[in-house]
Amino acid sequence: MSEPTKEELMARIAELEKQAGAKKSGKLEFKVGDKGGVSVYGLGRFPVTLYYEQWIRLLDAGEDLRAYLEANKNRLKLKQTT
């Protein structure tokens, strides 16, 4: 197998950069890990991983969490929209 040319390498780099840019679209992705936890990608730098029961508890507390966030909004750090 021969070594790739400079042009082939540059094309591959451009392709990978395009793929990486697409992943930063703000879309959430879900994956099941080897140990059975569900990870959510796209919220921040690192994924959030919880097990089934934990996700169910969190989802069941959704209304309470939303109310808590609204009640404490003035104390929270929010992203500035420009």
PDB file of N, CA and C in Angstrom:
ATOM      1  N   MET A   1       0.852  -1.181   0.000  1.00  0.00           N
ATOM      2  CA  MET A   1       0.000   0.000   0.000  1.00  0.00           C
ATOM      3  C   MET A   1       0.889   1.232   0.000  1.00  0.00           C
ATOM      4  N   SER A   2       0.638   2.159  -0.911  1.00  0.00           N
ATOM      5  CA  SER A   2       1.483   3.343  -1.047  1.00  0.00           C
ATOM      6  C   SER A   2       1.036   4.444  -0.088  1.00  0.00           C
ATOM      7  N   GLU A   3       1.946   5.345   0.167  1.00  0.00           N
ATOM      8  CA  GLU A   3       1.650   6.491   1.029  1.00  0.00           C
ATOM      9  C   GLU A   3       0.698   7.436   0.303  1.00  0.00           C
ATOM     10  N   PRO A   4      -0.253   8.052   1.037  1.00  0.00           N
ATOM     11  CA  PRO A   4      -1.166   8.996   0.381  1.00  0.00           C
ATOM     12  C   PRO A   4      -0.423  10.271  -0.027  1.00  0.00           C
ATOM     13  N   THR A   5      -0.904  10.893  -1.078  1.00  0.00           N
ATOM     14  CA  THR A   5      -0.293  12.137  -1.546  1.00  0.00           C
ATOM     15  C   THR A   5      -0.714  13.288  -0.651  1.00  0.00           C
ATOM     16  N   LYS A   6      -0.041  14.400  -0.809  1.00  0.00           N
ATOM     17  CA  LYS A   6      -0.375  15.586  -0.024  1.00  0.00           C
ATOM     18  C   LYS A   6      -1.816  16.019  -0.309  1.00  0.00           C
ATOM     19  N   GLU A   7      -2.220  15.960  -1.557  1.00  0.00           N
ATOM     20  CA  GLU A   7      -3.577  16.358  -1.936  1.00  0.00           C
ATOM     21  C   GLU A   7      -4.627  15.432  -1.287  1.00  0.00           C
ATOM     22  N   GLU A   8      -4.324  14.135  -1.261  1.00  0.00           N
ATOM     23  CA  GLU A   8      -5.236  13.187  -0.639  1.00  0.00           C
ATOM     24  C   GLU A   8      -5.357  13.449   0.864  1.00  0.00           C
ATOM     25  N   LEU A   9      -4.232  13.746   1.488  1.00  0.00           N
ATOM     26  CA  LEU A   9      -4.249  14.054   2.925  1.00  0.00           C
ATOM     27  C   LEU A   9      -5.024  15.334   3.200  1.00  0.00           C
ATOM     28  N   MET A  10      -4.824  16.347   2.363  1.00  0.00           N
ATOM     29  CA  MET A  10      -5.528  17.620   2.546  1.00  0.00           C
ATOM     30  C   MET A  10      -7.037  17.421   2.364  1.00  0.00           C
ATOM     31  N   ALA A  11      -7.416  16.601   1.380  1.00  0.00           N
ATOM     32  CA  ALA A  11      -8.835  16.320   1.161  1.00  0.00           C
ATOM     33  C   ALA A  11      -9.427  15.590   2.361  1.00  0.00           C
ATOM     34  N   ARG A  12      -8.666  14.663   2.920  1.00  0.00           N
ATOM     35  CA  ARG A  12      -9.136  13.911   4.097  1.00  0.00           C
ATOM     36  C   ARG A  12      -9.285  14.835   5.302  1.00  0.00           C
ATOM     37  N   ILE A  13      -8.339  15.735   5.482  1.00  0.00           N
ATOM     38  CA  ILE A  13      -8.418  16.708   6.587  1.00  0.00           C
ATOM     39  C   ILE A  13      -9.651  17.577   6.430  1.00  0.00           C
ATOM     40  N   ALA A  14      -9.915  18.059   5.220  1.00  0.00           N
ATOM     41  CA  ALA A  14     -11.086  18.896   4.973  1.00  0.00           C
ATOM     42  C   ALA A  14     -12.371  18.129   5.272  1.00  0.00           C
ATOM     43  N   GLU A  15     -12.406  16.858   4.900  1.00  0.00           N
ATOM     44  CA  GLU A  15     -13.579  16.021   5.158  1.00  0.00           C
ATOM     45  C   GLU A  15     -13.808  15.851   6.659  1.00  0.00           C
ATOM     46  N   LEU A  16     -12.734  15.589   7.404  1.00  0.00           N
ATOM     47  CA  LEU A  16     -12.848  15.416   8.853  1.00  0.00           C
ATOM     48  C   LEU A  16     -13.271  16.713   9.541  1.00  0.00           C
ATOM     49  N   GLU A  17     -12.740  17.838   9.076  1.00  0.00           N
ATOM     50  CA  GLU A  17     -13.119  19.128   9.659  1.00  0.00           C
ATOM     51  C   GLU A  17     -14.591  19.417   9.414  1.00  0.00           C
ATOM     52  N   LYS A  18     -15.082  19.054   8.232  1.00  0.00           N
ATOM     53  CA  LYS A  18     -16.490  19.264   7.923  1.00  0.00           C
ATOM     54  C   LYS A  18     -17.360  18.403   8.833  1.00  0.00           C
ATOM     55  N   GLN A  19     -16.940  17.170   9.069  1.00  0.00           N
ATOM     56  CA  GLN A  19     -17.687  16.279   9.959  1.00  0.00           C
ATOM     57  C   GLN A  19     -17.686  16.815  11.387  1.00  0.00           C
ATOM     58  N   ALA A  20     -16.538  17.317  11.838  1.00  0.00           N
ATOM     59  CA  ALA A  20     -16.443  17.856  13.201  1.00  0.00           C
ATOM     60  C   ALA A  20     -17.327  19.084  13.345  1.00  0.00           C
ATOM     61  N   GLY A  21     -17.383  19.918  12.325  1.00  0.00           N
ATOM     62  CA  GLY A  21     -18.231  21.099  12.354  1.00  0.00           C
ATOM     63  C   GLY A  21     -19.700  20.734  12.419  1.00  0.00           C
ATOM     64  N   ALA A  22     -20.074  19.677  11.751  1.00  0.00           N
ATOM     65  CA  ALA A  22     -21.465  19.238  11.753  1.00  0.00           C
ATOM     66  C   ALA A  22     -21.884  18.756  13.133  1.00  0.00           C
ATOM     67  N   LYS A  23     -20.987  18.165  13.880  1.00  0.00           N
ATOM     68  CA  LYS A  23     -21.319  17.657  15.211  1.00  0.00           C
ATOM     69  C   LYS A  23     -21.567  18.791  16.199  1.00  0.00           C
ATOM     70  N   LYS A  24     -21.083  19.986  15.919  1.00  0.00           N
ATOM     71  CA  LYS A  24     -21.260  21.111  16.826  1.00  0.00           C
ATOM     72  C   LYS A  24     -22.521  21.898  16.489  1.00  0.00           C
ATOM     73  N   SER A  25     -23.490  21.257  15.892  1.00  0.00           N
ATOM     74  CA  SER A  25     -24.707  21.931  15.457  1.00  0.00           C
ATOM     75  C   SER A  25     -25.685  22.169  16.602  1.00  0.00           C
ATOM     76  N   GLY A  26     -25.398  21.677  17.787  1.00  0.00           N
ATOM     77  CA  GLY A  26     -26.312  21.818  18.909  1.00  0.00           C
ATOM     78  C   GLY A  26     -27.284  20.658  19.014  1.00  0.00           C
ATOM     79  N   LYS A  27     -27.176  19.721  18.121  1.00  0.00           N
ATOM     80  CA  LYS A  27     -28.058  18.550  18.130  1.00  0.00           C
ATOM     81  C   LYS A  27     -27.625  17.613  19.250  1.00  0.00           C
ATOM     82  N   LEU A  28     -28.600  17.090  19.985  1.00  0.00           N
ATOM     83  CA  LEU A  28     -28.306  16.132  21.034  1.00  0.00           C
ATOM     84  C   LEU A  28     -28.249  14.726  20.446  1.00  0.00           C
ATOM     85  N   GLU A  29     -27.292  13.958  20.901  1.00  0.00           N
ATOM     86  CA  GLU A  29     -27.164  12.570  20.469  1.00  0.00           C
ATOM     87  C   GLU A  29     -27.174  11.672  21.699  1.00  0.00           C
ATOM     88  N   PHE A  30     -27.777  10.502  21.554  1.00  0.00           N
ATOM     89  CA  PHE A  30     -27.890   9.542  22.650  1.00  0.00           C
ATOM     90  C   PHE A  30     -27.175   8.257  22.262  1.00  0.00           C
ATOM     91  N   LYS A  31     -26.434   7.704  23.228  1.00  0.00           N
ATOM     92  CA  LYS A  31     -25.733   6.446  22.987  1.00  0.00           C
ATOM     93  C   LYS A  31     -25.804   5.587  24.243  1.00  0.00           C
ATOM     94  N   VAL A  32     -25.947   4.287  24.030  1.00  0.00           N
ATOM     95  CA  VAL A  32     -25.920   3.337  25.147  1.00  0.00           C
ATOM     96  C   VAL A  32     -24.494   2.834  25.273  1.00  0.00           C
ATOM     97  N   GLY A  33     -23.914   2.963  26.462  1.00  0.00           N
ATOM     98  CA  GLY A  33     -22.543   2.538  26.709  1.00  0.00           C
ATOM     99  C   GLY A  33     -22.444   1.060  27.001  1.00  0.00           C
ATOM    100  N   ASP A  34     -21.211   0.584  27.099  1.00  0.00           N
ATOM    101  CA  ASP A  34     -20.943  -0.828  27.371  1.00  0.00           C
ATOM    102  C   ASP A  34     -21.539  -1.295  28.703  1.00  0.00           C
ATOM    103  N   LYS A  35     -21.611  -0.387  29.675  1.00  0.00           N
ATOM    104  CA  LYS A  35     -22.116  -0.764  30.995  1.00  0.00           C
ATOM    105  C   LYS A  35     -23.622  -0.548  31.138  1.00  0.00           C
ATOM    106  N   GLY A  36     -24.280  -0.135  30.042  1.00  0.00           N
ATOM    107  CA  GLY A  36     -25.726  -0.003  30.072  1.00  0.00           C
ATOM    108  C   GLY A  36     -26.248   1.374  30.402  1.00  0.00           C
ATOM    109  N   GLY A  37     -25.382   2.340  30.559  1.00  0.00           N
ATOM    110  CA  GLY A  37     -25.830   3.699  30.810  1.00  0.00           C
ATOM    111  C   GLY A  37     -26.139   4.400  29.489  1.00  0.00           C
ATOM    112  N   VAL A  38     -26.993   5.415  29.561  1.00  0.00           N
ATOM    113  CA  VAL A  38     -27.328   6.207  28.385  1.00  0.00           C
ATOM    114  C   VAL A  38     -26.606   7.545  28.502  1.00  0.00           C
ATOM    115  N   SER A  39     -25.814   7.868  27.482  1.00  0.00           N
ATOM    116  CA  SER A  39     -25.067   9.119  27.457  1.00  0.00           C
ATOM    117  C   SER A  39     -25.724  10.096  26.494  1.00  0.00           C
ATOM    118  N   VAL A  40     -25.771  11.355  26.906  1.00  0.00           N
ATOM    119  CA  VAL A  40     -26.278  12.425  26.056  1.00  0.00           C
ATOM    120  C   VAL A  40     -25.087  13.278  25.666  1.00  0.00           C
ATOM    121  N   TYR A  41     -24.882  13.406  24.370  1.00  0.00           N
ATOM    122  CA  TYR A  41     -23.810  14.235  23.826  1.00  0.00           C
ATOM    123  C   TYR A  41     -24.423  15.505  23.253  1.00  0.00           C
ATOM    124  N   GLY A  42     -23.705  16.608  23.388  1.00  0.00           N
ATOM    125  CA  GLY A  42     -24.158  17.853  22.798  1.00  0.00           C
ATOM    126  C   GLY A  42     -24.592  18.903  23.800  1.00  0.00           C
ATOM    127  N   LEU A  43     -24.570  18.568  25.083  1.00  0.00           N
ATOM    128  CA  LEU A  43     -24.920  19.552  26.102  1.00  0.00           C
ATOM    129  C   LEU A  43     -23.724  20.409  26.488  1.00  0.00           C
ATOM    130  N   GLY A  44     -22.571  19.832  26.479  1.00  0.00           N
ATOM    131  CA  GLY A  44     -21.353  20.528  26.860  1.00  0.00           C
ATOM    132  C   GLY A  44     -20.148  19.777  26.354  1.00  0.00           C
ATOM    133  N   ARG A  45     -19.029  20.035  26.982  1.00  0.00           N
ATOM    134  CA  ARG A  45     -17.786  19.415  26.539  1.00  0.00           C
ATOM    135  C   ARG A  45     -17.779  17.902  26.746  1.00  0.00           C
ATOM    136  N   PHE A  46     -18.382  17.464  27.829  1.00  0.00           N
ATOM    137  CA  PHE A  46     -18.409  16.044  28.154  1.00  0.00           C
ATOM    138  C   PHE A  46     -19.843  15.529  28.119  1.00  0.00           C
ATOM    139  N   PRO A  47     -20.025  14.255  27.839  1.00  0.00           N
ATOM    140  CA  PRO A  47     -21.383  13.699  27.841  1.00  0.00           C
ATOM    141  C   PRO A  47     -21.926  13.566  29.260  1.00  0.00           C
ATOM    142  N   VAL A  48     -23.245  13.531  29.346  1.00  0.00           N
ATOM    143  CA  VAL A  48     -23.927  13.267  30.606  1.00  0.00           C
ATOM    144  C   VAL A  48     -24.415  11.828  30.526  1.00  0.00           C
ATOM    145  N   THR A  49     -23.986  10.993  31.482  1.00  0.00           N
ATOM    146  CA  THR A  49     -24.338   9.575  31.450  1.00  0.00           C
ATOM    147  C   THR A  49     -25.077   9.186  32.721  1.00  0.00           C
ATOM    148  N   LEU A  50     -26.255   8.609  32.549  1.00  0.00           N
ATOM    149  CA  LEU A  50     -27.051   8.113  33.659  1.00  0.00           C
ATOM    150  C   LEU A  50     -27.610   6.749  33.272  1.00  0.00           C
ATOM    151  N   TYR A  51     -27.983   5.978  34.273  1.00  0.00           N
ATOM    152  CA  TYR A  51     -28.635   4.698  34.028  1.00  0.00           C
ATOM    153  C   TYR A  51     -30.140   4.907  33.892  1.00  0.00           C
ATOM    154  N   TYR A  52     -30.823   3.906  33.377  1.00  0.00           N
ATOM    155  CA  TYR A  52     -32.254   3.975  33.078  1.00  0.00           C
ATOM    156  C   TYR A  52     -33.060   4.579  34.233  1.00  0.00           C
ATOM    157  N   GLU A  53     -32.901   4.020  35.424  1.00  0.00           N
ATOM    158  CA  GLU A  53     -33.678   4.480  36.572  1.00  0.00           C
ATOM    159  C   GLU A  53     -33.408   5.952  36.876  1.00  0.00           C
ATOM    160  N   GLN A  54     -32.160   6.373  36.689  1.00  0.00           N
ATOM    161  CA  GLN A  54     -31.807   7.766  36.940  1.00  0.00           C
ATOM    162  C   GLN A  54     -32.468   8.694  35.917  1.00  0.00           C
ATOM    163  N   TRP A  55     -32.490   8.281  34.653  1.00  0.00           N
ATOM    164  CA  TRP A  55     -33.156   9.089  33.625  1.00  0.00           C
ATOM    165  C   TRP A  55     -34.642   9.209  33.914  1.00  0.00           C
ATOM    166  N   ILE A  56     -35.259   8.103  34.329  1.00  0.00           N
ATOM    167  CA  ILE A  56     -36.688   8.133  34.635  1.00  0.00           C
ATOM    168  C   ILE A  56     -36.967   9.081  35.795  1.00  0.00           C
ATOM    169  N   ARG A  57     -36.158   9.009  36.848  1.00  0.00           N
ATOM    170  CA  ARG A  57     -36.330   9.924  37.994  1.00  0.00           C
ATOM    171  C   ARG A  57     -36.177  11.373  37.562  1.00  0.00           C
ATOM    172  N   LEU A  58     -35.178  11.645  36.730  1.00  0.00           N
ATOM    173  CA  LEU A  58     -34.945  13.011  36.261  1.00  0.00           C
ATOM    174  C   LEU A  58     -36.105  13.498  35.397  1.00  0.00           C
ATOM    175  N   LEU A  59     -36.573  12.647  34.489  1.00  0.00           N
ATOM    176  CA  LEU A  59     -37.704  13.022  33.642  1.00  0.00           C
ATOM    177  C   LEU A  59     -38.976  13.246  34.464  1.00  0.00           C
ATOM    178  N   ASP A  60     -39.199  12.419  35.487  1.00  0.00           N
ATOM    179  CA  ASP A  60     -40.364  12.585  36.357  1.00  0.00           C
ATOM    180  C   ASP A  60     -40.307  13.896  37.137  1.00  0.00           C
ATOM    181  N   ALA A  61     -39.110  14.380  37.402  1.00  0.00           N
ATOM    182  CA  ALA A  61     -38.935  15.620  38.157  1.00  0.00           C
ATOM    183  C   ALA A  61     -38.827  16.837  37.232  1.00  0.00           C
ATOM    184  N   GLY A  62     -39.138  16.655  35.965  1.00  0.00           N
ATOM    185  CA  GLY A  62     -38.975  17.714  34.967  1.00  0.00           C
ATOM    186  C   GLY A  62     -39.703  19.004  35.303  1.00  0.00           C
ATOM    187  N   GLU A  63     -40.964  18.909  35.719  1.00  0.00           N
ATOM    188  CA  GLU A  63     -41.733  20.109  36.050  1.00  0.00           C
ATOM    189  C   GLU A  63     -41.152  20.828  37.261  1.00  0.00           C
ATOM    190  N   ASP A  64     -40.743  20.060  38.268  1.00  0.00           N
ATOM    191  CA  ASP A  64     -40.136  20.664  39.459  1.00  0.00           C
ATOM    192  C   ASP A  64     -38.812  21.338  39.105  1.00  0.00           C
ATOM    193  N   LEU A  65     -38.018  20.690  38.262  1.00  0.00           N
ATOM    194  CA  LEU A  65     -36.735  21.257  37.854  1.00  0.00           C
ATOM    195  C   LEU A  65     -36.950  22.550  37.078  1.00  0.00           C
ATOM    196  N   ARG A  66     -37.898  22.547  36.160  1.00  0.00           N
ATOM    197  CA  ARG A  66     -38.181  23.752  35.380  1.00  0.00           C
ATOM    198  C   ARG A  66     -38.624  24.898  36.298  1.00  0.00           C
ATOM    199  N   ALA A  67     -39.488  24.620  37.270  1.00  0.00           N
ATOM    200  CA  ALA A  67     -39.944  25.644  38.216  1.00  0.00           C
ATOM    201  C   ALA A  67     -38.773  26.159  39.052  1.00  0.00           C
ATOM    202  N   TYR A  68     -37.911  25.251  39.499  1.00  0.00           N
ATOM    203  CA  TYR A  68     -36.740  25.644  40.290  1.00  0.00           C
ATOM    204  C   TYR A  68     -35.821  26.558  39.481  1.00  0.00           C
ATOM    205  N   LEU A  69     -35.576  26.189  38.226  1.00  0.00           N
ATOM    206  CA  LEU A  69     -34.718  27.006  37.358  1.00  0.00           C
ATOM    207  C   LEU A  69     -35.301  28.401  37.168  1.00  0.00           C
ATOM    208  N   GLU A  70     -36.594  28.482  36.930  1.00  0.00           N
ATOM    209  CA  GLU A  70     -37.234  29.789  36.742  1.00  0.00           C
ATOM    210  C   GLU A  70     -37.180  30.617  38.019  1.00  0.00           C
ATOM    211  N   ALA A  71     -37.399  29.976  39.164  1.00  0.00           N
ATOM    212  CA  ALA A  71     -37.382  30.690  40.438  1.00  0.00           C
ATOM    213  C   ALA A  71     -35.988  31.216  40.771  1.00  0.00           C
ATOM    214  N   ASN A  72     -34.950  30.545  40.267  1.00  0.00           N
ATOM    215  CA  ASN A  72     -33.578  30.930  40.592  1.00  0.00           C
ATOM    216  C   ASN A  72     -32.824  31.508  39.396  1.00  0.00           C
ATOM    217  N   LYS A  73     -33.546  31.902  38.374  1.00  0.00           N
ATOM    218  CA  LYS A  73     -32.926  32.374  37.135  1.00  0.00           C
ATOM    219  C   LYS A  73     -31.974  33.555  37.366  1.00  0.00           C
ATOM    220  N   ASN A  74     -32.318  34.435  38.291  1.00  0.00           N
ATOM    221  CA  ASN A  74     -31.464  35.594  38.553  1.00  0.00           C
ATOM    222  C   ASN A  74     -30.121  35.218  39.180  1.00  0.00           C
ATOM    223  N   ARG A  75     -30.004  34.023  39.736  1.00  0.00           N
ATOM    224  CA  ARG A  75     -28.750  33.572  40.354  1.00  0.00           C
ATOM    225  C   ARG A  75     -27.938  32.682  39.428  1.00  0.00           C
ATOM    226  N   LEU A  76     -28.506  32.297  38.296  1.00  0.00           N
ATOM    227  CA  LEU A  76     -27.849  31.356  37.380  1.00  0.00           C
ATOM    228  C   LEU A  76     -27.016  32.077  36.340  1.00  0.00           C
ATOM    229  N   LYS A  77     -25.976  31.430  35.904  1.00  0.00           N
ATOM    230  CA  LYS A  77     -25.166  31.969  34.827  1.00  0.00           C
ATOM    231  C   LYS A  77     -25.826  31.572  33.511  1.00  0.00           C
ATOM    232  N   LEU A  78     -26.143  32.562  32.687  1.00  0.00           N
ATOM    233  CA  LEU A  78     -26.821  32.323  31.423  1.00  0.00           C
ATOM    234  C   LEU A  78     -25.907  32.746  30.284  1.00  0.00           C
ATOM    235  N   LYS A  79     -26.002  32.029  29.174  1.00  0.00           N
ATOM    236  CA  LYS A  79     -25.243  32.426  27.989  1.00  0.00           C
ATOM    237  C   LYS A  79     -25.844  33.702  27.442  1.00  0.00           C
ATOM    238  N   GLN A  80     -24.972  34.622  27.079  1.00  0.00           N
ATOM    239  CA  GLN A  80     -25.424  35.876  26.484  1.00  0.00           C
ATOM    240  C   GLN A  80     -25.703  35.657  24.996  1.00  0.00           C
ATOM    241  N   THR A  81     -26.864  36.059  24.545  1.00  0.00           N
ATOM    242  CA  THR A  81     -27.167  35.963  23.123  1.00  0.00           C
ATOM    243  C   THR A  81     -26.741  37.252  22.452  1.00  0.00           C
ATOM    244  N   THR A  82     -26.052  37.102  21.340  1.00  0.00           N
ATOM    245  CA  THR A  82     -25.564  38.314  20.656  1.00  0.00           C
ATOM    246  C   THR A  82     -26.221  38.483  19.320  1.00  0.00           C
TER     247      THR A  82
END
